[in-house]
Amino acid sequence: MYFTTNLHFKIEQTPLPGILIITPARFSDHRGFFSESYSTKTLVEHGITAQFVQDNHSLSMTQGTIRGLHFQVPPHTQDKLVRCGRGALFDVAVDIRKGSPTYGRWFGVELSFENGKQLLVPAGFAHGFVTRAPETEIIYKCSDYYAQETEGAVAWDDPQVGIDWGLGDITPVLSDKDANAPSLADLNSPFTFEDV
């Protein structure tokens, strides 16, 4: 893993090419802090050209809430830039690009209000998270609008993927849709490594 930095952002590569950890700088004083949480100009300077058109904000009341693993298929694929507004969550991306050398592999990072980290999840990856604290808020930008007819999902507990959610003895809180999502083996992914 390596990173680049400037006055306002630290950008770290991860073991999954395309998945980036972006940490905006915080400037603190006795009042609190100020942070430039997003800058198209700065990201373009680092080769990140996603154009975001929609912001989403969700609240999960219970620790151990899992949402995911979700994606949208063409023609409404989404790049996502995810951060935590309150509390803490473990954010996960899974490579679902056919022909990718990292197909089926996952990467996760803790995003919290305290650490200010963000995760860039490009199209071609399924995305999900688990809350580490009650009343956790997730805020994320999307590069295309929500389109229900293009929604897809992979089972959060698929043994082929093998995500370590760090639940311990906590029983996860799931939607019916997420509890019944198909396995990666049953996914006919519309994404290919060469196209994304």
N, C-alpha and C. Protein backbone atom coordinates (compact mmCIF):
# COMPACT_ATOMS: atom_id res chain seq x y z
N MET A 1 0.84 -1.18 0.00
CA MET A 1 0.00 0.00 0.00
C MET A 1 0.89 1.24 0.00
N TYR A 2 0.60 2.19 -0.86
CA TYR A 2 1.34 3.45 -0.83
C TYR A 2 0.35 4.59 -0.90
N PHE A 3 0.83 5.80 -0.60
CA PHE A 3 -0.09 6.91 -0.60
C PHE A 3 0.57 8.16 -1.15
N THR A 4 -0.28 9.07 -1.62
CA THR A 4 0.16 10.40 -2.00
C THR A 4 -0.56 11.37 -1.09
N THR A 5 0.00 12.55 -0.93
CA THR A 5 -0.61 13.51 -0.03
C THR A 5 -0.38 14.92 -0.54
N ASN A 6 -1.29 15.81 -0.20
CA ASN A 6 -1.07 17.23 -0.38
C ASN A 6 -1.60 17.91 0.87
N LEU A 7 -1.75 19.21 0.83
CA LEU A 7 -2.16 19.94 2.01
C LEU A 7 -3.52 19.49 2.53
N HIS A 8 -4.41 19.05 1.62
CA HIS A 8 -5.80 18.79 2.01
C HIS A 8 -6.20 17.32 2.04
N PHE A 9 -5.50 16.44 1.30
CA PHE A 9 -5.93 15.05 1.18
C PHE A 9 -4.74 14.09 1.23
N LYS A 10 -4.97 12.95 1.88
CA LYS A 10 -4.05 11.81 1.76
C LYS A 10 -4.81 10.74 1.00
N ILE A 11 -4.20 10.17 -0.05
CA ILE A 11 -4.84 9.16 -0.88
C ILE A 11 -3.99 7.90 -0.85
N GLU A 12 -4.59 6.80 -0.37
CA GLU A 12 -3.87 5.54 -0.20
C GLU A 12 -4.40 4.49 -1.16
N GLN A 13 -3.47 3.79 -1.82
CA GLN A 13 -3.82 2.62 -2.61
C GLN A 13 -4.11 1.46 -1.66
N THR A 14 -4.90 0.51 -2.13
CA THR A 14 -5.21 -0.69 -1.34
C THR A 14 -4.81 -1.92 -2.15
N PRO A 15 -4.91 -3.11 -1.58
CA PRO A 15 -4.57 -4.32 -2.35
C PRO A 15 -5.49 -4.58 -3.54
N LEU A 16 -6.65 -3.93 -3.60
CA LEU A 16 -7.55 -4.06 -4.75
C LEU A 16 -7.40 -2.82 -5.62
N PRO A 17 -6.77 -2.93 -6.79
CA PRO A 17 -6.57 -1.76 -7.64
C PRO A 17 -7.91 -1.07 -7.94
N GLY A 18 -7.92 0.25 -7.77
CA GLY A 18 -9.11 1.05 -7.98
C GLY A 18 -9.80 1.43 -6.69
N ILE A 19 -9.62 0.63 -5.65
CA ILE A 19 -10.18 0.95 -4.33
C ILE A 19 -9.18 1.85 -3.61
N LEU A 20 -9.62 3.04 -3.23
CA LEU A 20 -8.73 4.01 -2.60
C LEU A 20 -9.29 4.46 -1.26
N ILE A 21 -8.38 4.70 -0.31
CA ILE A 21 -8.75 5.35 0.95
C ILE A 21 -8.34 6.82 0.84
N ILE A 22 -9.29 7.70 1.03
CA ILE A 22 -9.05 9.13 0.91
C ILE A 22 -9.31 9.75 2.28
N THR A 23 -8.31 10.45 2.81
CA THR A 23 -8.46 11.06 4.13
C THR A 23 -8.24 12.56 4.02
N PRO A 24 -9.32 13.34 4.07
CA PRO A 24 -9.18 14.79 4.05
C PRO A 24 -8.51 15.28 5.34
N ALA A 25 -7.71 16.32 5.21
CA ALA A 25 -7.08 16.92 6.39
C ALA A 25 -8.13 17.63 7.23
N ARG A 26 -7.88 17.67 8.53
CA ARG A 26 -8.71 18.43 9.45
C ARG A 26 -7.85 19.50 10.11
N PHE A 27 -8.37 20.70 10.14
CA PHE A 27 -7.67 21.84 10.73
C PHE A 27 -8.42 22.21 12.00
N SER A 28 -7.78 21.95 13.14
CA SER A 28 -8.45 22.03 14.43
C SER A 28 -7.99 23.24 15.23
N ASP A 29 -8.90 23.76 16.03
CA ASP A 29 -8.57 24.75 17.05
C ASP A 29 -9.54 24.57 18.21
N HIS A 30 -9.60 25.54 19.11
CA HIS A 30 -10.42 25.41 20.31
C HIS A 30 -11.91 25.29 20.00
N ARG A 31 -12.34 25.65 18.79
CA ARG A 31 -13.76 25.58 18.43
C ARG A 31 -14.16 24.21 17.91
N GLY A 32 -13.19 23.45 17.39
CA GLY A 32 -13.48 22.17 16.75
C GLY A 32 -12.54 21.98 15.58
N PHE A 33 -13.09 21.65 14.39
CA PHE A 33 -12.24 21.49 13.23
C PHE A 33 -12.96 21.95 11.97
N PHE A 34 -12.17 22.18 10.92
CA PHE A 34 -12.68 22.42 9.58
C PHE A 34 -12.03 21.41 8.66
N SER A 35 -12.82 20.84 7.73
CA SER A 35 -12.28 19.89 6.76
C SER A 35 -12.93 20.11 5.41
N GLU A 36 -12.12 20.14 4.38
CA GLU A 36 -12.63 20.16 3.00
C GLU A 36 -12.87 18.70 2.63
N SER A 37 -14.09 18.24 2.77
CA SER A 37 -14.36 16.80 2.66
C SER A 37 -14.38 16.29 1.23
N TYR A 38 -14.49 17.19 0.26
CA TYR A 38 -14.51 16.77 -1.14
C TYR A 38 -14.01 17.91 -2.02
N SER A 39 -13.19 17.57 -3.02
CA SER A 39 -12.70 18.55 -3.99
C SER A 39 -12.48 17.86 -5.32
N THR A 40 -13.32 18.18 -6.31
CA THR A 40 -13.14 17.61 -7.64
C THR A 40 -11.74 17.91 -8.16
N LYS A 41 -11.30 19.14 -8.00
CA LYS A 41 -9.99 19.57 -8.51
C LYS A 41 -8.86 18.70 -7.95
N THR A 42 -8.86 18.50 -6.64
CA THR A 42 -7.80 17.71 -6.02
C THR A 42 -7.85 16.26 -6.48
N LEU A 43 -9.05 15.68 -6.56
CA LEU A 43 -9.15 14.29 -6.97
C LEU A 43 -8.73 14.10 -8.43
N VAL A 44 -9.11 15.03 -9.29
CA VAL A 44 -8.70 14.94 -10.70
C VAL A 44 -7.18 15.01 -10.81
N GLU A 45 -6.55 15.82 -9.99
CA GLU A 45 -5.08 15.90 -9.98
C GLU A 45 -4.45 14.55 -9.64
N HIS A 46 -5.18 13.69 -8.96
CA HIS A 46 -4.70 12.35 -8.60
C HIS A 46 -5.30 11.27 -9.48
N GLY A 47 -5.89 11.66 -10.62
CA GLY A 47 -6.40 10.70 -11.59
C GLY A 47 -7.77 10.14 -11.28
N ILE A 48 -8.47 10.72 -10.32
CA ILE A 48 -9.82 10.27 -9.95
C ILE A 48 -10.81 11.17 -10.67
N THR A 49 -11.47 10.62 -11.69
CA THR A 49 -12.29 11.45 -12.57
C THR A 49 -13.79 11.21 -12.44
N ALA A 50 -14.21 10.41 -11.47
CA ALA A 50 -15.64 10.16 -11.28
C ALA A 50 -16.37 11.48 -11.07
N GLN A 51 -17.52 11.60 -11.74
CA GLN A 51 -18.35 12.79 -11.57
C GLN A 51 -19.58 12.39 -10.79
N PHE A 52 -19.72 12.92 -9.60
CA PHE A 52 -20.78 12.50 -8.70
C PHE A 52 -22.02 13.36 -8.90
N VAL A 53 -23.20 12.68 -8.91
CA VAL A 53 -24.46 13.36 -9.21
C VAL A 53 -25.49 13.23 -8.10
N GLN A 54 -25.23 12.38 -7.11
CA GLN A 54 -26.22 12.13 -6.06
C GLN A 54 -25.51 11.87 -4.75
N ASP A 55 -26.01 12.48 -3.67
CA ASP A 55 -25.53 12.20 -2.32
C ASP A 55 -26.60 11.40 -1.58
N ASN A 56 -26.18 10.34 -0.88
CA ASN A 56 -27.07 9.54 -0.06
C ASN A 56 -26.62 9.61 1.39
N HIS A 57 -27.60 9.53 2.29
CA HIS A 57 -27.32 9.64 3.73
C HIS A 57 -28.24 8.64 4.43
N SER A 58 -27.67 7.67 5.14
CA SER A 58 -28.50 6.71 5.84
C SER A 58 -28.08 6.62 7.30
N LEU A 59 -29.06 6.25 8.12
CA LEU A 59 -28.85 6.07 9.56
C LEU A 59 -29.16 4.63 9.90
N SER A 60 -28.26 3.99 10.63
CA SER A 60 -28.49 2.64 11.15
C SER A 60 -28.50 2.74 12.67
N MET A 61 -29.63 2.39 13.28
CA MET A 61 -29.80 2.60 14.72
C MET A 61 -29.02 1.61 15.57
N THR A 62 -28.78 0.41 15.03
CA THR A 62 -28.25 -0.68 15.85
C THR A 62 -26.84 -1.06 15.42
N GLN A 63 -25.96 -1.26 16.40
CA GLN A 63 -24.64 -1.83 16.12
C GLN A 63 -24.83 -3.21 15.52
N GLY A 64 -24.03 -3.53 14.49
CA GLY A 64 -24.14 -4.83 13.83
C GLY A 64 -25.11 -4.84 12.67
N THR A 65 -25.59 -3.66 12.26
CA THR A 65 -26.43 -3.57 11.07
C THR A 65 -25.55 -3.75 9.83
N ILE A 66 -25.92 -4.68 8.96
CA ILE A 66 -25.21 -4.89 7.71
C ILE A 66 -26.10 -4.46 6.56
N ARG A 67 -25.55 -3.64 5.68
CA ARG A 67 -26.21 -3.26 4.43
C ARG A 67 -25.27 -3.66 3.29
N GLY A 68 -25.77 -4.47 2.36
CA GLY A 68 -24.94 -4.89 1.26
C GLY A 68 -24.94 -6.42 1.17
N LEU A 69 -24.25 -6.84 0.15
CA LEU A 69 -23.31 -6.17 -0.75
C LEU A 69 -24.06 -5.75 -2.02
N HIS A 70 -24.04 -4.47 -2.35
CA HIS A 70 -24.88 -3.93 -3.41
C HIS A 70 -24.06 -3.37 -4.57
N PHE A 71 -24.70 -3.31 -5.74
CA PHE A 71 -24.14 -2.65 -6.92
C PHE A 71 -25.28 -2.35 -7.88
N GLN A 72 -25.01 -1.50 -8.87
CA GLN A 72 -25.93 -1.27 -9.97
C GLN A 72 -25.25 -1.67 -11.27
N VAL A 73 -26.01 -2.32 -12.16
CA VAL A 73 -25.47 -2.80 -13.44
C VAL A 73 -25.65 -1.73 -14.51
N PRO A 74 -24.93 -1.88 -15.65
CA PRO A 74 -25.13 -0.94 -16.76
C PRO A 74 -26.59 -0.94 -17.20
N PRO A 75 -27.11 0.22 -17.62
CA PRO A 75 -26.38 1.46 -17.91
C PRO A 75 -26.29 2.43 -16.74
N HIS A 76 -26.53 1.97 -15.52
CA HIS A 76 -26.54 2.89 -14.37
C HIS A 76 -25.53 2.47 -13.30
N THR A 77 -24.33 2.10 -13.73
CA THR A 77 -23.28 1.74 -12.78
C THR A 77 -22.93 2.96 -11.92
N GLN A 78 -22.44 2.67 -10.72
CA GLN A 78 -22.12 3.74 -9.79
C GLN A 78 -20.72 3.58 -9.21
N ASP A 79 -19.94 4.66 -9.29
CA ASP A 79 -18.79 4.82 -8.42
C ASP A 79 -19.34 5.43 -7.13
N LYS A 80 -18.78 5.04 -5.99
CA LYS A 80 -19.23 5.57 -4.71
C LYS A 80 -18.05 6.11 -3.92
N LEU A 81 -18.28 7.21 -3.23
CA LEU A 81 -17.29 7.77 -2.31
C LEU A 81 -17.99 7.83 -0.94
N VAL A 82 -17.53 6.98 -0.03
CA VAL A 82 -18.26 6.68 1.21
C VAL A 82 -17.52 7.28 2.40
N ARG A 83 -18.28 7.90 3.32
CA ARG A 83 -17.70 8.37 4.58
C ARG A 83 -18.71 8.19 5.70
N CYS A 84 -18.25 8.36 6.92
CA CYS A 84 -19.08 8.21 8.10
C CYS A 84 -19.36 9.58 8.69
N GLY A 85 -20.64 9.91 8.87
CA GLY A 85 -21.01 11.20 9.45
C GLY A 85 -21.08 11.18 10.97
N ARG A 86 -21.37 10.01 11.52
CA ARG A 86 -21.46 9.85 12.98
C ARG A 86 -21.28 8.38 13.29
N GLY A 87 -20.60 8.09 14.39
CA GLY A 87 -20.39 6.70 14.79
C GLY A 87 -19.21 6.08 14.07
N ALA A 88 -19.36 4.79 13.71
CA ALA A 88 -18.27 4.06 13.06
C ALA A 88 -18.85 2.88 12.30
N LEU A 89 -18.19 2.55 11.19
CA LEU A 89 -18.61 1.41 10.37
C LEU A 89 -17.40 0.76 9.74
N PHE A 90 -17.56 -0.51 9.38
CA PHE A 90 -16.54 -1.23 8.63
C PHE A 90 -17.05 -1.33 7.21
N ASP A 91 -16.36 -0.67 6.28
CA ASP A 91 -16.82 -0.54 4.90
C ASP A 91 -16.06 -1.53 4.02
N VAL A 92 -16.80 -2.22 3.13
CA VAL A 92 -16.24 -3.34 2.38
C VAL A 92 -16.54 -3.21 0.89
N ALA A 93 -15.55 -3.54 0.07
CA ALA A 93 -15.72 -3.63 -1.39
C ALA A 93 -15.26 -5.01 -1.84
N VAL A 94 -16.02 -5.61 -2.78
CA VAL A 94 -15.70 -6.93 -3.33
C VAL A 94 -15.58 -6.81 -4.84
N ASP A 95 -14.48 -7.30 -5.39
CA ASP A 95 -14.26 -7.24 -6.84
C ASP A 95 -15.17 -8.26 -7.54
N ILE A 96 -16.07 -7.76 -8.41
CA ILE A 96 -16.97 -8.65 -9.16
C ILE A 96 -16.75 -8.48 -10.67
N ARG A 97 -15.53 -8.10 -11.07
CA ARG A 97 -15.21 -7.92 -12.49
C ARG A 97 -14.67 -9.23 -13.07
N LYS A 98 -15.40 -9.81 -14.00
CA LYS A 98 -14.94 -11.05 -14.65
C LYS A 98 -13.55 -10.82 -15.26
N GLY A 99 -12.68 -11.80 -15.08
CA GLY A 99 -11.33 -11.72 -15.64
C GLY A 99 -10.35 -10.93 -14.78
N SER A 100 -10.82 -10.37 -13.68
CA SER A 100 -9.93 -9.61 -12.81
C SER A 100 -9.03 -10.56 -12.03
N PRO A 101 -7.76 -10.23 -11.87
CA PRO A 101 -6.89 -11.08 -11.05
C PRO A 101 -7.29 -11.09 -9.57
N THR A 102 -8.13 -10.13 -9.17
CA THR A 102 -8.58 -10.10 -7.78
C THR A 102 -10.09 -10.38 -7.67
N TYR A 103 -10.66 -11.07 -8.67
CA TYR A 103 -12.09 -11.39 -8.67
C TYR A 103 -12.47 -12.14 -7.39
N GLY A 104 -13.53 -11.68 -6.74
CA GLY A 104 -14.01 -12.34 -5.54
C GLY A 104 -13.28 -11.95 -4.27
N ARG A 105 -12.22 -11.17 -4.39
CA ARG A 105 -11.49 -10.73 -3.19
C ARG A 105 -12.14 -9.48 -2.62
N TRP A 106 -11.95 -9.28 -1.33
CA TRP A 106 -12.57 -8.14 -0.66
C TRP A 106 -11.51 -7.31 0.06
N PHE A 107 -11.89 -6.05 0.29
CA PHE A 107 -11.07 -5.15 1.11
C PHE A 107 -12.01 -4.38 2.02
N GLY A 108 -11.60 -4.21 3.27
CA GLY A 108 -12.41 -3.45 4.21
C GLY A 108 -11.58 -2.49 5.02
N VAL A 109 -12.22 -1.40 5.45
CA VAL A 109 -11.55 -0.38 6.26
C VAL A 109 -12.58 0.24 7.19
N GLU A 110 -12.13 0.59 8.39
CA GLU A 110 -13.04 1.29 9.31
C GLU A 110 -13.12 2.75 8.93
N LEU A 111 -14.35 3.22 8.78
CA LEU A 111 -14.63 4.63 8.57
C LEU A 111 -15.36 5.12 9.81
N SER A 112 -14.91 6.22 10.37
CA SER A 112 -15.56 6.74 11.57
C SER A 112 -15.59 8.26 11.51
N PHE A 113 -16.44 8.82 12.36
CA PHE A 113 -16.43 10.28 12.49
C PHE A 113 -15.05 10.73 12.94
N GLU A 114 -14.44 9.97 13.84
CA GLU A 114 -13.15 10.37 14.40
C GLU A 114 -12.02 10.34 13.37
N ASN A 115 -11.94 9.26 12.55
CA ASN A 115 -10.78 9.17 11.65
C ASN A 115 -10.99 9.92 10.33
N GLY A 116 -12.22 10.23 9.96
CA GLY A 116 -12.48 11.04 8.77
C GLY A 116 -12.15 10.37 7.45
N LYS A 117 -11.85 9.06 7.47
CA LYS A 117 -11.48 8.38 6.22
C LYS A 117 -12.69 8.20 5.31
N GLN A 118 -12.41 8.12 4.01
CA GLN A 118 -13.42 7.85 3.00
C GLN A 118 -12.92 6.69 2.14
N LEU A 119 -13.87 5.93 1.57
CA LEU A 119 -13.49 4.83 0.68
C LEU A 119 -14.09 5.09 -0.70
N LEU A 120 -13.24 5.06 -1.72
CA LEU A 120 -13.69 5.17 -3.10
C LEU A 120 -13.91 3.77 -3.64
N VAL A 121 -15.15 3.49 -4.05
CA VAL A 121 -15.54 2.17 -4.56
C VAL A 121 -16.02 2.35 -5.99
N PRO A 122 -15.21 2.00 -6.98
CA PRO A 122 -15.61 2.18 -8.38
C PRO A 122 -16.66 1.16 -8.82
N ALA A 123 -17.28 1.43 -9.95
CA ALA A 123 -18.15 0.44 -10.58
C ALA A 123 -17.34 -0.83 -10.83
N GLY A 124 -18.02 -1.97 -10.73
CA GLY A 124 -17.33 -3.25 -10.86
C GLY A 124 -17.01 -3.89 -9.53
N PHE A 125 -17.40 -3.21 -8.45
CA PHE A 125 -17.22 -3.74 -7.10
C PHE A 125 -18.57 -3.72 -6.40
N ALA A 126 -18.87 -4.78 -5.64
CA ALA A 126 -20.02 -4.77 -4.76
C ALA A 126 -19.61 -4.08 -3.46
N HIS A 127 -20.55 -3.36 -2.86
CA HIS A 127 -20.24 -2.54 -1.69
C HIS A 127 -21.19 -2.86 -0.54
N GLY A 128 -20.66 -2.88 0.67
CA GLY A 128 -21.48 -3.06 1.85
C GLY A 128 -20.76 -2.57 3.09
N PHE A 129 -21.48 -2.55 4.21
CA PHE A 129 -20.84 -2.14 5.47
C PHE A 129 -21.58 -2.75 6.65
N VAL A 130 -20.88 -2.76 7.78
CA VAL A 130 -21.48 -3.14 9.06
C VAL A 130 -21.20 -2.01 10.04
N THR A 131 -22.21 -1.68 10.84
CA THR A 131 -22.02 -0.60 11.82
C THR A 131 -21.28 -1.13 13.05
N ARG A 132 -20.38 -0.31 13.53
CA ARG A 132 -19.59 -0.64 14.72
C ARG A 132 -20.14 0.06 15.97
N ALA A 133 -21.08 0.98 15.77
CA ALA A 133 -21.64 1.74 16.89
C ALA A 133 -23.11 2.00 16.62
N PRO A 134 -23.91 2.19 17.68
CA PRO A 134 -25.31 2.55 17.46
C PRO A 134 -25.42 3.92 16.81
N GLU A 135 -26.53 4.13 16.13
CA GLU A 135 -26.85 5.42 15.51
C GLU A 135 -25.71 5.91 14.60
N THR A 136 -25.26 5.01 13.75
CA THR A 136 -24.19 5.35 12.81
C THR A 136 -24.79 5.89 11.52
N GLU A 137 -24.21 6.98 11.04
CA GLU A 137 -24.65 7.60 9.80
C GLU A 137 -23.59 7.38 8.72
N ILE A 138 -24.06 6.96 7.55
CA ILE A 138 -23.18 6.81 6.39
C ILE A 138 -23.63 7.81 5.34
N ILE A 139 -22.65 8.48 4.75
CA ILE A 139 -22.90 9.51 3.74
C ILE A 139 -22.06 9.13 2.53
N TYR A 140 -22.68 9.03 1.35
CA TYR A 140 -21.88 8.66 0.20
C TYR A 140 -22.37 9.31 -1.08
N LYS A 141 -21.39 9.62 -1.92
CA LYS A 141 -21.64 10.19 -3.24
C LYS A 141 -21.73 9.06 -4.26
N CYS A 142 -22.60 9.25 -5.28
CA CYS A 142 -22.75 8.28 -6.36
C CYS A 142 -22.58 8.97 -7.70
N SER A 143 -21.99 8.25 -8.65
CA SER A 143 -21.74 8.84 -9.97
C SER A 143 -22.90 8.65 -10.94
N ASP A 144 -23.95 7.94 -10.51
CA ASP A 144 -25.18 7.84 -11.30
C ASP A 144 -26.34 7.78 -10.31
N TYR A 145 -27.53 8.03 -10.82
CA TYR A 145 -28.71 8.07 -9.97
C TYR A 145 -29.16 6.66 -9.61
N TYR A 146 -29.87 6.55 -8.51
CA TYR A 146 -30.45 5.28 -8.11
C TYR A 146 -31.42 4.81 -9.19
N ALA A 147 -31.28 3.55 -9.60
CA ALA A 147 -32.17 2.96 -10.60
C ALA A 147 -32.51 1.56 -10.13
N GLN A 148 -33.69 1.40 -9.54
CA GLN A 148 -34.07 0.15 -8.90
C GLN A 148 -33.97 -1.04 -9.83
N GLU A 149 -34.29 -0.83 -11.12
CA GLU A 149 -34.29 -1.95 -12.06
C GLU A 149 -32.88 -2.46 -12.37
N THR A 150 -31.86 -1.74 -11.94
CA THR A 150 -30.48 -2.18 -12.21
C THR A 150 -29.77 -2.67 -10.95
N GLU A 151 -30.51 -2.79 -9.84
CA GLU A 151 -29.90 -3.22 -8.59
C GLU A 151 -29.42 -4.66 -8.65
N GLY A 152 -28.28 -4.92 -8.04
CA GLY A 152 -27.78 -6.27 -7.87
C GLY A 152 -27.21 -6.43 -6.48
N ALA A 153 -27.00 -7.67 -6.07
CA ALA A 153 -26.46 -7.93 -4.73
C ALA A 153 -25.73 -9.26 -4.70
N VAL A 154 -24.83 -9.37 -3.74
CA VAL A 154 -24.12 -10.61 -3.42
C VAL A 154 -24.30 -10.83 -1.93
N ALA A 155 -24.45 -12.08 -1.53
CA ALA A 155 -24.68 -12.41 -0.12
C ALA A 155 -23.54 -11.92 0.76
N TRP A 156 -23.90 -11.27 1.84
CA TRP A 156 -22.92 -10.70 2.76
C TRP A 156 -22.05 -11.79 3.40
N ASP A 157 -22.62 -12.99 3.55
CA ASP A 157 -21.91 -14.07 4.24
C ASP A 157 -21.47 -15.18 3.31
N ASP A 158 -21.30 -14.87 2.04
CA ASP A 158 -20.88 -15.88 1.06
C ASP A 158 -19.52 -16.45 1.47
N PRO A 159 -19.44 -17.76 1.72
CA PRO A 159 -18.15 -18.33 2.14
C PRO A 159 -17.07 -18.25 1.06
N GLN A 160 -17.48 -18.16 -0.21
CA GLN A 160 -16.49 -18.01 -1.28
C GLN A 160 -15.75 -16.68 -1.16
N VAL A 161 -16.46 -15.64 -0.72
CA VAL A 161 -15.84 -14.32 -0.53
C VAL A 161 -15.14 -14.27 0.83
N GLY A 162 -15.80 -14.74 1.87
CA GLY A 162 -15.17 -14.90 3.17
C GLY A 162 -14.86 -13.61 3.91
N ILE A 163 -15.78 -12.65 3.89
CA ILE A 163 -15.54 -11.39 4.58
C ILE A 163 -15.55 -11.61 6.09
N ASP A 164 -14.56 -11.06 6.76
CA ASP A 164 -14.54 -11.05 8.22
C ASP A 164 -15.16 -9.73 8.67
N TRP A 165 -16.44 -9.79 9.03
CA TRP A 165 -17.16 -8.58 9.43
C TRP A 165 -16.84 -8.15 10.85
N GLY A 166 -16.15 -8.97 11.60
CA GLY A 166 -15.80 -8.62 12.97
C GLY A 166 -16.99 -8.51 13.89
N LEU A 167 -17.99 -9.37 13.69
CA LEU A 167 -19.22 -9.28 14.48
C LEU A 167 -19.09 -9.85 15.88
N GLY A 168 -18.14 -10.75 16.09
CA GLY A 168 -18.04 -11.40 17.40
C GLY A 168 -19.33 -12.15 17.70
N ASP A 169 -19.93 -11.88 18.85
CA ASP A 169 -21.17 -12.57 19.22
C ASP A 169 -22.42 -11.75 18.88
N ILE A 170 -22.26 -10.69 18.07
CA ILE A 170 -23.40 -9.86 17.67
C ILE A 170 -24.15 -10.53 16.53
N THR A 171 -25.47 -10.63 16.64
CA THR A 171 -26.30 -11.13 15.56
C THR A 171 -26.57 -9.98 14.59
N PRO A 172 -26.23 -10.14 13.31
CA PRO A 172 -26.39 -9.01 12.39
C PRO A 172 -27.85 -8.65 12.16
N VAL A 173 -28.09 -7.37 11.93
CA VAL A 173 -29.41 -6.85 11.58
C VAL A 173 -29.41 -6.66 10.07
N LEU A 174 -30.36 -7.30 9.37
CA LEU A 174 -30.37 -7.33 7.91
C LEU A 174 -31.76 -7.02 7.38
N SER A 175 -31.82 -6.47 6.17
CA SER A 175 -33.09 -6.40 5.46
C SER A 175 -33.39 -7.78 4.89
N ASP A 176 -34.66 -8.02 4.54
CA ASP A 176 -35.02 -9.29 3.91
C ASP A 176 -34.26 -9.49 2.61
N LYS A 177 -34.11 -8.40 1.86
CA LYS A 177 -33.42 -8.48 0.57
C LYS A 177 -31.96 -8.92 0.77
N ASP A 178 -31.29 -8.31 1.73
CA ASP A 178 -29.88 -8.66 1.96
C ASP A 178 -29.74 -10.07 2.53
N ALA A 179 -30.69 -10.48 3.36
CA ALA A 179 -30.63 -11.82 3.94
C ALA A 179 -30.79 -12.90 2.89
N ASN A 180 -31.39 -12.56 1.75
CA ASN A 180 -31.66 -13.54 0.70
C ASN A 180 -30.89 -13.28 -0.59
N ALA A 181 -29.83 -12.47 -0.52
CA ALA A 181 -29.05 -12.16 -1.71
C ALA A 181 -28.34 -13.42 -2.22
N PRO A 182 -28.12 -13.51 -3.54
CA PRO A 182 -27.48 -14.70 -4.11
C PRO A 182 -25.98 -14.76 -3.82
N SER A 183 -25.42 -15.93 -4.01
CA SER A 183 -23.99 -16.12 -3.81
C SER A 183 -23.22 -15.58 -5.02
N LEU A 184 -21.93 -15.37 -4.83
CA LEU A 184 -21.08 -14.94 -5.94
C LEU A 184 -21.09 -15.98 -7.05
N ALA A 185 -21.14 -17.25 -6.71
CA ALA A 185 -21.14 -18.32 -7.72
C ALA A 185 -22.38 -18.24 -8.61
N ASP A 186 -23.46 -17.68 -8.10
CA ASP A 186 -24.70 -17.56 -8.88
C ASP A 186 -24.79 -16.24 -9.63
N LEU A 187 -23.80 -15.38 -9.47
CA LEU A 187 -23.82 -14.08 -10.12
C LEU A 187 -23.26 -14.17 -11.54
N ASN A 188 -24.04 -13.74 -12.51
CA ASN A 188 -23.53 -13.56 -13.87
C ASN A 188 -23.15 -12.09 -14.01
N SER A 189 -21.96 -11.77 -13.57
CA SER A 189 -21.56 -10.37 -13.47
C SER A 189 -21.53 -9.70 -14.85
N PRO A 190 -22.10 -8.49 -14.94
CA PRO A 190 -22.05 -7.75 -16.20
C PRO A 190 -20.75 -6.97 -16.34
N PHE A 191 -19.89 -7.03 -15.32
CA PHE A 191 -18.65 -6.27 -15.33
C PHE A 191 -17.50 -7.15 -15.78
N THR A 192 -16.62 -6.61 -16.60
CA THR A 192 -15.38 -7.29 -16.96
C THR A 192 -14.21 -6.40 -16.62
N PHE A 193 -13.10 -7.02 -16.33
CA PHE A 193 -11.90 -6.31 -15.91
C PHE A 193 -11.45 -5.30 -16.96
N GLU A 194 -11.62 -5.65 -18.23
CA GLU A 194 -11.13 -4.80 -19.31
C GLU A 194 -12.03 -3.58 -19.51
N ASP A 195 -13.33 -3.71 -19.20
CA ASP A 195 -14.29 -2.64 -19.51
C ASP A 195 -14.37 -1.57 -18.43
N VAL A 196 -14.04 -1.92 -17.20
CA VAL A 196 -14.26 -0.99 -16.08
C VAL A 196 -13.01 -0.18 -15.82
